[in-house]
């Protein structure tokens, strides 16, 4: 396990589409452990995607358990090859990202999602998430398709804000 460097915009690797994981090998589990360790070492971080550490694999990790906006959550979760099966509702949430460290932005996303993926052992996991946890999952999944929250804001003038500080 290692704390890895987090790529920052405009690094071109952040705009690439990640490859699906064919099978969950020890190498993939090592990437998962690095993601978890890097996320835990980053103050305020509640999720991370493999492309943010330079691994173009469809892997995300998240843990919103200690965030003030959360009423329910799944704790530390790993999703490999995540896929949204269903969604509903709309919410606008202020998003930030370690790969875009100087800004936050208002992004509209579904308020509820049903997502399927593999856990770190290769078992299928289906998660129903809502509110802030649903936002985090969708934000991290966007990284797998080379999409940053900057790409989702409707107006730079009214929806993008300079970050004051982390935490």
Foldseek 3Di string as FASTA:
>chain_A
DAQAQFAAPPPVLLQAAADADPFQDVVNLVLVVNQVVNQVVDFPRFKAASSRRPHRFQKMWGACPPPPFDDDDDGIFIFGPKDWPDFDDKDWDWDDDPRHHFKIWTAIDTQWTWMWGAGSNRHIDIDIDGHPVVVRVVQRSCSNNSDHVVNGHPDCVPTMGTDPDGD
